[in-house]
């Protein structure tokens, strides 16, 4: 079952790349994403909220525990995750803990 799900994810990823409006580059021009300037301008606010979350880094989930596909990238406990949005869903409690970051991302 896991192998089947993995193949489905790979097919979806190929579809997204093929029909992407911005392409599949290693690096993108920031001018193509004007909303990023809002995040850059507010980096200190975002960083302050991040620092509050990082105080609890030991209990944050590992990337590979959230997405099994990431086991190729990491198998240790050093790559932690904290999603505000994932797979089209808003992580309400996480957004409540980082209200300004959530507002900026929204």
C-alpha atoms as a PDB file:
ATOM      1  CA  UNK A   1       0.000   0.000   0.000  1.00  0.00           C
ATOM      2  CA  UNK A   2       2.801   2.435   0.870  1.00  0.00           C
ATOM      3  CA  UNK A   3       4.565   1.675  -2.405  1.00  0.00           C
ATOM      4  CA  UNK A   4       1.336   2.399  -4.311  1.00  0.00           C
ATOM      5  CA  UNK A   5       0.858   5.698  -2.456  1.00  0.00           C
ATOM      6  CA  UNK A   6       4.462   6.642  -3.204  1.00  0.00           C
ATOM      7  CA  UNK A   7       3.902   6.027  -6.920  1.00  0.00           C
ATOM      8  CA  UNK A   8       0.782   8.197  -6.844  1.00  0.00           C
ATOM      9  CA  UNK A   9       2.718  11.038  -5.195  1.00  0.00           C
ATOM     10  CA  UNK A  10       5.439  10.742  -7.851  1.00  0.00           C
ATOM     11  CA  UNK A  11       2.838  10.916 -10.621  1.00  0.00           C
ATOM     12  CA  UNK A  12       1.265  14.008  -9.072  1.00  0.00           C
ATOM     13  CA  UNK A  13       4.674  15.669  -8.723  1.00  0.00           C
ATOM     14  CA  UNK A  14       5.456  15.014 -12.399  1.00  0.00           C
ATOM     15  CA  UNK A  15       2.056  16.456 -13.354  1.00  0.00           C
ATOM     16  CA  UNK A  16       2.653  19.606 -11.272  1.00  0.00           C
ATOM     17  CA  UNK A  17       6.090  20.135 -12.815  1.00  0.00           C
ATOM     18  CA  UNK A  18       4.802  19.599 -16.327  1.00  0.00           C
ATOM     19  CA  UNK A  19       1.959  22.100 -16.016  1.00  0.00           C
ATOM     20  CA  UNK A  20       3.548  24.622 -13.654  1.00  0.00           C
ATOM     21  CA  UNK A  21       3.016  28.237 -14.630  1.00  0.00           C
ATOM     22  CA  UNK A  22       6.487  29.147 -13.341  1.00  0.00           C
ATOM     23  CA  UNK A  23       8.501  26.165 -14.520  1.00  0.00           C
ATOM     24  CA  UNK A  24      10.840  23.842 -12.683  1.00  0.00           C
ATOM     25  CA  UNK A  25      13.998  25.832 -12.063  1.00  0.00           C
ATOM     26  CA  UNK A  26      16.550  25.431  -9.322  1.00  0.00           C
ATOM     27  CA  UNK A  27      16.330  29.154  -8.576  1.00  0.00           C
ATOM     28  CA  UNK A  28      13.491  31.544  -9.323  1.00  0.00           C
ATOM     29  CA  UNK A  29      13.535  35.291  -9.844  1.00  0.00           C
ATOM     30  CA  UNK A  30      11.972  37.004  -6.803  1.00  0.00           C
ATOM     31  CA  UNK A  31      10.268  39.459  -9.167  1.00  0.00           C
ATOM     32  CA  UNK A  32       8.099  36.546 -10.353  1.00  0.00           C
ATOM     33  CA  UNK A  33       6.702  36.295  -6.815  1.00  0.00           C
ATOM     34  CA  UNK A  34       5.940  39.834  -5.637  1.00  0.00           C
ATOM     35  CA  UNK A  35       4.336  38.586  -2.403  1.00  0.00           C
ATOM     36  CA  UNK A  36       7.770  37.527  -1.134  1.00  0.00           C
ATOM     37  CA  UNK A  37       8.695  41.160  -0.480  1.00  0.00           C
ATOM     38  CA  UNK A  38       6.034  41.285   2.267  1.00  0.00           C
ATOM     39  CA  UNK A  39       7.706  38.341   3.991  1.00  0.00           C
ATOM     40  CA  UNK A  40      11.157  39.861   3.581  1.00  0.00           C
ATOM     41  CA  UNK A  41      10.006  43.190   5.017  1.00  0.00           C
ATOM     42  CA  UNK A  42       8.577  41.419   8.060  1.00  0.00           C
ATOM     43  CA  UNK A  43      11.374  38.957   8.708  1.00  0.00           C
ATOM     44  CA  UNK A  44      11.946  40.220  12.256  1.00  0.00           C
ATOM     45  CA  UNK A  45       8.335  39.539  13.218  1.00  0.00           C
ATOM     46  CA  UNK A  46       8.519  36.092  11.662  1.00  0.00           C
ATOM     47  CA  UNK A  47      11.837  35.405  13.387  1.00  0.00           C
ATOM     48  CA  UNK A  48      10.462  36.422  16.789  1.00  0.00           C
ATOM     49  CA  UNK A  49       7.616  33.931  16.465  1.00  0.00           C
ATOM     50  CA  UNK A  50      10.016  31.266  15.201  1.00  0.00           C
ATOM     51  CA  UNK A  51      12.282  31.770  18.199  1.00  0.00           C
ATOM     52  CA  UNK A  52       9.302  31.059  20.462  1.00  0.00           C
ATOM     53  CA  UNK A  53       8.606  27.816  18.615  1.00  0.00           C
ATOM     54  CA  UNK A  54      12.264  26.745  18.627  1.00  0.00           C
ATOM     55  CA  UNK A  55      12.258  26.785  22.430  1.00  0.00           C
ATOM     56  CA  UNK A  56      10.306  23.523  22.075  1.00  0.00           C
ATOM     57  CA  UNK A  57      12.432  22.064  19.268  1.00  0.00           C
ATOM     58  CA  UNK A  58      12.852  18.728  21.017  1.00  0.00           C
ATOM     59  CA  UNK A  59       9.124  17.996  20.736  1.00  0.00           C
ATOM     60  CA  UNK A  60       8.655  19.216  17.168  1.00  0.00           C
ATOM     61  CA  UNK A  61       8.060  16.371  14.720  1.00  0.00           C
ATOM     62  CA  UNK A  62      10.858  15.201  12.458  1.00  0.00           C
ATOM     63  CA  UNK A  63      10.374  15.863   8.752  1.00  0.00           C
ATOM     64  CA  UNK A  64      10.456  12.165   7.888  1.00  0.00           C
ATOM     65  CA  UNK A  65       7.793  11.465  10.529  1.00  0.00           C
ATOM     66  CA  UNK A  66       5.398  13.884   8.839  1.00  0.00           C
ATOM     67  CA  UNK A  67       6.249  12.852   5.275  1.00  0.00           C
ATOM     68  CA  UNK A  68       7.618   9.343   4.864  1.00  0.00           C
ATOM     69  CA  UNK A  69       8.913  10.322   1.400  1.00  0.00           C
ATOM     70  CA  UNK A  70      11.585  12.416   3.110  1.00  0.00           C
ATOM     71  CA  UNK A  71      13.488   9.442   4.503  1.00  0.00           C
ATOM     72  CA  UNK A  72      15.799   9.804   1.509  1.00  0.00           C
ATOM     73  CA  UNK A  73      16.700  13.292   2.770  1.00  0.00           C
ATOM     74  CA  UNK A  74      17.032  12.666   6.488  1.00  0.00           C
ATOM     75  CA  UNK A  75      16.834   9.852   8.989  1.00  0.00           C
ATOM     76  CA  UNK A  76      18.041  11.660  12.124  1.00  0.00           C
ATOM     77  CA  UNK A  77      16.236  13.972  14.541  1.00  0.00           C
ATOM     78  CA  UNK A  78      17.821  17.190  13.288  1.00  0.00           C
ATOM     79  CA  UNK A  79      15.327  18.299  10.628  1.00  0.00           C
ATOM     80  CA  UNK A  80      12.210  19.455  12.460  1.00  0.00           C
ATOM     81  CA  UNK A  81       8.941  20.668  10.982  1.00  0.00           C
ATOM     82  CA  UNK A  82       6.344  23.244  11.908  1.00  0.00           C
ATOM     83  CA  UNK A  83       3.677  23.691   9.287  1.00  0.00           C
ATOM     84  CA  UNK A  84       1.255  26.567   9.037  1.00  0.00           C
ATOM     85  CA  UNK A  85      -0.265  25.034   5.921  1.00  0.00           C
ATOM     86  CA  UNK A  86       0.247  21.627   4.396  1.00  0.00           C
ATOM     87  CA  UNK A  87      -1.415  19.733   1.581  1.00  0.00           C
ATOM     88  CA  UNK A  88      -4.026  22.477   1.277  1.00  0.00           C
ATOM     89  CA  UNK A  89      -4.962  22.518   4.962  1.00  0.00           C
ATOM     90  CA  UNK A  90      -4.394  25.210   7.578  1.00  0.00           C
ATOM     91  CA  UNK A  91      -2.815  23.949  10.805  1.00  0.00           C
ATOM     92  CA  UNK A  92      -5.028  25.998  13.118  1.00  0.00           C
ATOM     93  CA  UNK A  93      -3.112  25.514  16.381  1.00  0.00           C
ATOM     94  CA  UNK A  94       0.220  26.266  14.711  1.00  0.00           C
ATOM     95  CA  UNK A  95      -1.229  29.398  13.125  1.00  0.00           C
ATOM     96  CA  UNK A  96      -2.606  30.465  16.518  1.00  0.00           C
ATOM     97  CA  UNK A  97       0.901  30.166  17.997  1.00  0.00           C
ATOM     98  CA  UNK A  98       2.357  32.286  15.166  1.00  0.00           C
ATOM     99  CA  UNK A  99      -0.482  34.707  14.410  1.00  0.00           C
ATOM    100  CA  UNK A 100       1.543  37.381  12.640  1.00  0.00           C
ATOM    101  CA  UNK A 101       3.421  34.885  10.476  1.00  0.00           C
ATOM    102  CA  UNK A 102       0.135  33.169   9.611  1.00  0.00           C
ATOM    103  CA  UNK A 103      -1.395  36.533   8.710  1.00  0.00           C
ATOM    104  CA  UNK A 104       1.561  37.413   6.493  1.00  0.00           C
ATOM    105  CA  UNK A 105       1.560  34.046   4.747  1.00  0.00           C
ATOM    106  CA  UNK A 106      -2.209  34.177   4.200  1.00  0.00           C
END
